[in-house]
Amino acid sequence: MTHTLFDNNVVEERTSARDTYVKAYRFMLQARILDDKFASLYRMGKIHGGVFLGRGQEALSVSVGLALRKGDVFAPLIRDGAGRLAFGEPMLDAVRTYLGSPLGPMRARDGNVHRGRPKEGLLPMISHLGAMISVVNGALLAHRFKGISGTVGAACVGDGATSTGAFHEAVNQAAVERLPLVLIVANNHYAYSTPTGRQFACRSLLDKAVGYGIEGHSVDGTDLSACLQVVGDAVSQARAGRGPQMVVASLLRLCGHGEHDDAGYIDPKLKQSSLGRDCLKVAEGSLLQQGWADASTLAGWRNELVHSVEESVAKVQREPGPDPYKEDWCALASKHLSEGPDQLWSE
């Protein structure tokens, strides 16, 4: 039996799709296990400050992280643990930030999720998430001024952020400047506890893309294959010079806003709908159905990732805590730019 070039291409594409799917699933699983560990530590009183889980949002999140590449800019949500890992954030960064280790990227100055590595394109999060879009715009404009081409910036927000003035100003700016911005909107149908029906009156959030004159894409946020395809296409279009792209993903937060919140306000009908599907379970089912993994393989991956999470937490718990008497409170990375009392009052 002869094999044509077309046959070989089909095999290669299927192999590539399988490898990408498996890679994405493993990041999703790692993020879920890490989130569960943080929730456990929070309940034990080992974490001070809030703990915010990405349960139910991992498929969308990981798709963003995998679609980006070195040189791009990524502004993740508080629930984007999977995307952070896929983009290259070391797991120790998350553990050290939550547990207050001075060896972490925030040097124990932050209680939960405002961590990042700006030099590597991973932007620390501003809590008012609409504000992050303009930060990404600024980074993309800086690339333009420096003659850096071929990069994109991804800003992740929730449906609630689309109701803010910061969102309007930043999206309008990106549209006018035709920046390679990919705006990822996780429509989980609640801005904390406020349902979307009390946030906006438009038929769909994609209507907002039309209003700003940018391209819009919708996706089922519980379907990993769909997320990989749609987000990947949006990033490719932005990279090709087609201007800002907005991706609106429909999903449901499968936990409270934070571990302090029981999410009793979520409509039970939504939980029972397709929006309430667990994207991790859906991905596992697809792996089994496609024959890309079996039950034994899935169990092996889980055991491996549980071990790596436990090792990271144990390592950080052995590290010394911050010493306020030895801390250098200079807020700037470049100490010579800081203003001390002598400079402030010398005149």
Protein backbone atom coordinates (compact mmCIF):
# COMPACT_ATOMS: atom_id res chain seq x y z
CA MET A 1 0.00 0.00 0.00
CA THR A 2 1.49 3.36 -1.02
CA HIS A 3 1.34 6.44 1.18
CA THR A 4 0.93 9.84 -0.43
CA LEU A 5 2.33 13.14 0.82
CA PHE A 6 -1.23 14.02 1.84
CA ASP A 7 -1.39 10.91 4.04
CA ASN A 8 1.88 11.87 5.71
CA ASN A 9 0.68 15.42 6.30
CA VAL A 10 -2.50 14.14 7.94
CA VAL A 11 -0.47 11.89 10.24
CA GLU A 12 1.87 14.75 11.14
CA GLU A 13 -1.02 17.11 11.85
CA ARG A 14 -2.74 14.54 14.03
CA THR A 15 0.50 13.87 15.92
CA SER A 16 1.02 17.60 16.43
CA ALA A 17 -2.57 18.01 17.62
CA ARG A 18 -2.14 15.14 20.05
CA ASP A 19 1.13 16.49 21.44
CA THR A 20 -0.35 19.98 21.90
CA TYR A 21 -3.48 18.60 23.55
CA VAL A 22 -1.50 16.42 25.94
CA LYS A 23 0.82 19.31 26.81
CA ALA A 24 -2.15 21.57 27.46
CA TYR A 25 -3.90 18.96 29.58
CA ARG A 26 -0.83 18.44 31.76
CA PHE A 27 -0.58 22.16 32.45
CA MET A 28 -4.30 22.22 33.28
CA LEU A 29 -3.88 19.30 35.66
CA GLN A 30 -0.81 20.86 37.29
CA ALA A 31 -2.69 24.12 37.82
CA ARG A 32 -5.69 22.30 39.32
CA ILE A 33 -3.51 20.29 41.72
CA LEU A 34 -1.63 23.44 42.73
CA ASP A 35 -4.89 25.31 43.29
CA ASP A 36 -6.24 22.48 45.44
CA LYS A 37 -3.05 22.60 47.50
CA PHE A 38 -3.37 26.36 47.99
CA ALA A 39 -6.98 25.92 49.09
CA SER A 40 -5.90 23.30 51.63
CA LEU A 41 -3.10 25.52 52.97
CA TYR A 42 -5.54 28.43 53.24
CA ARG A 43 -7.97 26.37 55.30
CA MET A 44 -5.08 25.34 57.57
CA GLY A 45 -4.20 29.01 58.18
CA LYS A 46 -0.89 28.70 56.34
CA ILE A 47 -1.74 31.38 53.78
CA HIS A 48 -2.54 34.95 54.74
CA GLY A 49 -4.61 36.98 52.31
CA GLY A 50 -6.91 35.67 49.62
CA VAL A 51 -6.73 32.47 47.59
CA PHE A 52 -8.36 32.60 44.16
CA LEU A 53 -8.77 29.39 42.18
CA GLY A 54 -8.97 28.85 38.43
CA ARG A 55 -11.26 25.83 38.67
CA GLY A 56 -13.31 25.68 35.47
CA GLN A 57 -11.17 28.18 33.58
CA GLU A 58 -8.07 26.10 32.90
CA ALA A 59 -8.89 25.22 29.26
CA LEU A 60 -9.17 28.87 28.23
CA SER A 61 -6.19 29.89 30.33
CA VAL A 62 -3.77 27.26 29.06
CA SER A 63 -4.72 28.06 25.47
CA VAL A 64 -3.51 31.63 25.93
CA GLY A 65 -0.21 30.60 27.50
CA LEU A 66 0.53 28.07 24.77
CA ALA A 67 -0.39 30.42 21.91
CA LEU A 68 2.13 33.01 23.05
CA ARG A 69 5.87 32.78 22.53
CA LYS A 70 9.07 34.37 23.78
CA GLY A 71 8.99 38.13 23.31
CA ASP A 72 5.21 38.38 23.70
CA VAL A 73 3.47 40.11 26.59
CA PHE A 74 1.00 38.34 28.89
CA ALA A 75 -1.25 39.97 31.48
CA PRO A 76 -3.07 37.09 33.21
CA LEU A 77 -6.12 36.98 35.45
CA ILE A 78 -6.08 35.80 39.05
CA ARG A 79 -7.48 32.48 37.74
CA ASP A 80 -4.86 32.01 35.03
CA GLY A 81 -2.59 29.55 36.82
CA ALA A 82 -2.64 27.18 33.84
CA GLY A 83 -1.80 29.96 31.40
CA ARG A 84 1.02 31.21 33.61
CA LEU A 85 2.58 27.73 33.74
CA ALA A 86 2.21 27.30 29.98
CA PHE A 87 3.83 30.70 29.40
CA GLY A 88 6.83 29.58 31.44
CA GLU A 89 6.23 30.84 34.98
CA PRO A 90 8.08 28.59 37.44
CA MET A 91 5.72 26.88 39.86
CA LEU A 92 7.93 28.09 42.72
CA ASP A 93 6.97 31.69 41.88
CA ALA A 94 3.34 30.94 42.74
CA VAL A 95 4.17 28.95 45.87
CA ARG A 96 6.62 31.53 47.19
CA THR A 97 4.19 34.38 46.61
CA TYR A 98 1.30 32.66 48.37
CA LEU A 99 3.45 31.52 51.29
CA GLY A 100 5.28 34.85 51.65
CA SER A 101 8.81 33.72 50.87
CA PRO A 102 11.30 36.58 50.33
CA LEU A 103 12.88 34.45 47.59
CA GLY A 104 9.77 34.87 45.43
CA PRO A 105 9.38 37.43 42.65
CA MET A 106 7.50 39.82 44.95
CA ARG A 107 10.04 39.40 47.79
CA ALA A 108 7.26 38.57 50.30
CA ARG A 109 5.64 41.96 49.79
CA ASP A 110 2.37 40.62 48.46
CA GLY A 111 -0.12 38.23 50.01
CA ASN A 112 -1.52 36.44 46.99
CA VAL A 113 -1.46 36.85 43.23
CA HIS A 114 0.18 40.11 42.14
CA ARG A 115 3.32 38.48 40.87
CA GLY A 116 5.14 38.58 37.58
CA ARG A 117 8.38 38.76 35.63
CA PRO A 118 8.09 41.92 33.51
CA LYS A 119 11.45 41.45 31.79
CA GLU A 120 10.17 38.11 30.50
CA GLY A 121 6.83 39.54 29.39
CA LEU A 122 4.76 38.28 32.33
CA LEU A 123 3.09 41.35 33.83
CA PRO A 124 2.16 41.56 37.53
CA MET A 125 -1.58 41.93 37.87
CA ILE A 126 -3.40 45.09 38.89
CA SER A 127 -6.50 44.02 40.83
CA HIS A 128 -8.80 46.24 38.80
CA LEU A 129 -8.36 44.10 35.74
CA GLY A 130 -9.64 46.51 33.13
CA ALA A 131 -6.51 48.51 33.88
CA MET A 132 -4.24 45.75 32.59
CA ILE A 133 -5.30 46.26 28.98
CA SER A 134 -3.70 49.70 28.84
CA VAL A 135 -0.53 48.29 30.40
CA VAL A 136 -0.31 45.73 27.60
CA ASN A 137 -1.02 48.52 25.08
CA GLY A 138 1.91 50.45 26.51
CA ALA A 139 4.23 47.47 26.17
CA LEU A 140 3.12 46.92 22.57
CA LEU A 141 3.64 50.60 21.73
CA ALA A 142 7.11 50.38 23.28
CA HIS A 143 7.84 47.44 20.98
CA ARG A 144 6.68 49.53 18.03
CA PHE A 145 8.86 52.50 19.00
CA LYS A 146 11.87 50.21 19.39
CA GLY A 147 11.28 48.58 16.03
CA ILE A 148 10.43 45.20 17.55
CA SER A 149 8.01 43.39 15.26
CA GLY A 150 6.15 40.08 15.30
CA THR A 151 5.10 40.24 18.96
CA VAL A 152 1.61 40.24 20.43
CA GLY A 153 0.17 41.07 23.82
CA ALA A 154 -2.57 39.12 25.57
CA ALA A 155 -4.69 40.74 28.27
CA CYS A 156 -7.13 38.55 30.18
CA VAL A 157 -10.23 40.01 31.83
CA GLY A 158 -13.57 38.82 33.10
CA ASP A 159 -17.03 39.90 32.02
CA GLY A 160 -17.13 42.40 34.87
CA ALA A 161 -14.06 44.24 33.59
CA THR A 162 -15.86 44.96 30.30
CA SER A 163 -18.12 47.34 32.23
CA THR A 164 -15.26 49.58 33.38
CA GLY A 165 -14.06 52.85 31.95
CA ALA A 166 -10.51 51.51 31.80
CA PHE A 167 -11.72 48.77 29.44
CA HIS A 168 -13.34 51.30 27.11
CA GLU A 169 -10.35 53.60 26.94
CA ALA A 170 -7.81 50.82 26.43
CA VAL A 171 -9.75 48.89 23.78
CA ASN A 172 -10.50 52.11 21.93
CA GLN A 173 -6.81 53.01 21.98
CA ALA A 174 -5.77 49.54 20.77
CA ALA A 175 -8.31 49.74 17.94
CA VAL A 176 -7.23 53.20 16.79
CA GLU A 177 -3.52 52.26 16.93
CA ARG A 178 -4.20 48.79 15.45
CA LEU A 179 -2.09 47.18 18.14
CA PRO A 180 -1.49 43.41 18.09
CA LEU A 181 -3.60 43.01 21.22
CA VAL A 182 -5.47 39.79 21.98
CA LEU A 183 -8.15 40.51 24.53
CA ILE A 184 -9.38 37.36 26.29
CA VAL A 185 -12.72 37.77 28.05
CA ALA A 186 -13.69 34.96 30.42
CA ASN A 187 -17.46 35.34 30.58
CA ASN A 188 -18.25 33.34 33.70
CA HIS A 189 -21.60 35.15 33.99
CA TYR A 190 -20.84 36.80 37.33
CA ALA A 191 -18.73 39.81 38.25
CA TYR A 192 -18.04 38.48 41.72
CA SER A 193 -21.74 38.01 42.63
CA THR A 194 -23.33 40.38 40.08
CA PRO A 195 -24.95 38.50 37.18
CA THR A 196 -24.26 39.64 33.63
CA GLY A 197 -27.88 40.77 33.25
CA ARG A 198 -27.11 43.53 35.76
CA GLN A 199 -23.83 44.50 34.07
CA PHE A 200 -24.64 45.10 30.43
CA ALA A 201 -27.67 45.21 28.14
CA CYS A 202 -26.06 44.16 24.86
CA ARG A 203 -27.05 40.79 23.42
CA SER A 204 -23.48 39.48 23.56
CA LEU A 205 -20.12 40.77 24.68
CA LEU A 206 -19.01 40.27 21.08
CA ASP A 207 -21.20 43.28 20.25
CA LYS A 208 -18.58 45.35 22.04
CA ALA A 209 -15.92 44.16 19.60
CA VAL A 210 -18.11 45.39 16.73
CA GLY A 211 -18.57 48.73 18.48
CA TYR A 212 -14.84 49.29 18.70
CA GLY A 213 -14.19 48.12 15.16
CA ILE A 214 -12.13 45.07 16.08
CA GLU A 215 -12.49 41.39 15.26
CA GLY A 216 -14.39 39.19 17.71
CA HIS A 217 -14.41 35.44 18.28
CA SER A 218 -16.56 33.29 20.56
CA VAL A 219 -15.62 29.94 22.06
CA ASP A 220 -16.93 27.32 24.47
CA GLY A 221 -14.59 27.81 27.41
CA THR A 222 -15.19 24.26 28.65
CA ASP A 223 -13.83 22.68 25.44
CA LEU A 224 -10.02 22.50 25.32
CA SER A 225 -9.87 21.72 21.59
CA ALA A 226 -12.07 24.69 20.74
CA CYS A 227 -10.08 27.01 23.01
CA LEU A 228 -6.75 25.94 21.51
CA GLN A 229 -8.11 26.54 18.00
CA VAL A 230 -9.89 29.85 18.54
CA VAL A 231 -7.30 31.47 20.81
CA GLY A 232 -4.48 30.23 18.59
CA ASP A 233 -6.17 31.70 15.51
CA ALA A 234 -6.76 35.05 17.26
CA VAL A 235 -3.09 35.27 18.28
CA SER A 236 -1.99 34.39 14.74
CA GLN A 237 -4.24 37.10 13.26
CA ALA A 238 -2.94 39.73 15.66
CA ARG A 239 0.63 38.68 14.89
CA ALA A 240 -0.09 38.97 11.17
CA GLY A 241 -1.05 42.64 11.52
CA ARG A 242 -4.84 42.37 11.53
CA GLY A 243 -5.20 44.55 14.62
CA PRO A 244 -6.76 43.77 18.00
CA GLN A 245 -8.68 40.54 18.47
CA MET A 246 -11.30 39.88 21.14
CA VAL A 247 -12.06 36.33 22.27
CA VAL A 248 -15.14 35.82 24.43
CA ALA A 249 -15.26 32.45 26.17
CA SER A 250 -18.43 31.19 27.84
CA LEU A 251 -17.83 29.16 30.96
CA LEU A 252 -18.72 29.02 34.64
CA ARG A 253 -16.52 29.56 37.65
CA LEU A 254 -16.67 26.23 39.49
CA CYS A 255 -15.83 27.78 42.85
CA GLY A 256 -16.38 31.01 44.73
CA HIS A 257 -14.72 34.29 43.85
CA GLY A 258 -12.15 33.27 46.44
CA GLU A 259 -11.86 30.60 49.08
CA HIS A 260 -13.72 32.94 51.45
CA ASP A 261 -16.80 32.82 49.18
CA ASP A 262 -19.24 29.88 48.95
CA ALA A 263 -20.73 31.09 45.62
CA GLY A 264 -24.27 30.53 46.89
CA TYR A 265 -25.50 33.23 44.51
CA ILE A 266 -24.80 31.18 41.34
CA ASP A 267 -27.98 30.00 39.66
CA PRO A 268 -28.26 26.19 40.04
CA LYS A 269 -29.60 26.00 36.48
CA LEU A 270 -26.30 27.35 35.21
CA LYS A 271 -24.40 24.72 37.17
CA GLN A 272 -26.50 22.01 35.54
CA SER A 273 -26.11 23.44 32.03
CA SER A 274 -23.23 22.81 29.62
CA LEU A 275 -21.55 25.90 31.08
CA GLY A 276 -21.16 23.98 34.35
CA ARG A 277 -19.00 21.29 32.77
CA ASP A 278 -15.57 20.80 34.30
CA CYS A 279 -13.13 21.50 31.46
CA LEU A 280 -10.54 19.22 33.05
CA LYS A 281 -12.95 16.27 33.04
CA VAL A 282 -14.01 17.10 29.49
CA ALA A 283 -10.35 17.07 28.42
CA GLU A 284 -9.75 13.75 30.16
CA GLY A 285 -12.74 12.25 28.36
CA SER A 286 -11.41 13.48 25.04
CA LEU A 287 -7.97 12.00 25.70
CA LEU A 288 -9.54 8.62 26.42
CA GLN A 289 -11.90 8.81 23.45
CA GLN A 290 -9.13 9.77 21.01
CA GLY A 291 -6.89 7.02 22.33
CA TRP A 292 -4.23 9.56 23.26
CA ALA A 293 -4.08 8.29 26.85
CA ASP A 294 -5.54 5.52 28.97
CA ALA A 295 -6.62 5.45 32.61
CA SER A 296 -3.20 4.23 33.73
CA THR A 297 -1.44 7.06 31.90
CA LEU A 298 -3.77 9.67 33.38
CA ALA A 299 -3.15 8.30 36.87
CA GLY A 300 0.60 8.37 36.28
CA TRP A 301 0.52 12.00 35.18
CA ARG A 302 -1.52 12.95 38.23
CA ASN A 303 0.85 11.17 40.63
CA GLU A 304 3.85 12.83 38.98
CA LEU A 305 2.34 16.31 39.23
CA VAL A 306 1.09 15.82 42.80
CA HIS A 307 4.64 14.87 43.77
CA SER A 308 6.11 17.97 42.09
CA VAL A 309 3.57 20.26 43.81
CA GLU A 310 4.21 18.70 47.21
CA GLU A 311 7.98 19.01 46.69
CA SER A 312 7.67 22.70 45.79
CA VAL A 313 5.50 23.47 48.81
CA ALA A 314 7.83 21.57 51.15
CA LYS A 315 10.84 23.43 49.73
CA VAL A 316 9.25 26.84 50.27
CA GLN A 317 8.05 25.94 53.77
CA ARG A 318 11.68 25.28 54.70
CA GLU A 319 12.78 28.71 53.48
CA PRO A 320 13.14 31.49 56.07
CA GLY A 321 10.42 34.10 56.26
CA PRO A 322 10.96 37.82 55.69
CA ASP A 323 12.87 39.77 58.33
CA PRO A 324 11.41 43.30 58.64
CA TYR A 325 14.59 44.52 60.35
CA LYS A 326 16.77 43.53 57.39
CA GLU A 327 14.35 44.37 54.62
CA ASP A 328 15.37 47.02 52.11
CA TRP A 329 12.09 48.81 51.46
CA CYS A 330 13.27 50.42 48.24
CA ALA A 331 10.34 49.96 45.88
CA LEU A 332 12.39 50.30 42.70
CA ALA A 333 14.51 47.60 41.11
CA SER A 334 17.22 50.20 40.45
CA LYS A 335 18.26 51.43 43.87
CA HIS A 336 20.13 54.43 42.51
CA LEU A 337 16.81 55.84 41.28
CA SER A 338 15.21 55.82 44.73
CA GLU A 339 14.72 59.04 46.65
CA GLY A 340 15.84 58.99 50.22
CA PRO A 341 15.30 61.72 52.87
CA ASP A 342 18.52 63.52 51.84
CA GLN A 343 17.38 63.95 48.25
CA LEU A 344 13.85 64.89 49.21
CA TRP A 345 14.80 67.67 51.62
CA SER A 346 18.15 68.84 50.23
CA GLU A 347 16.61 71.94 48.66
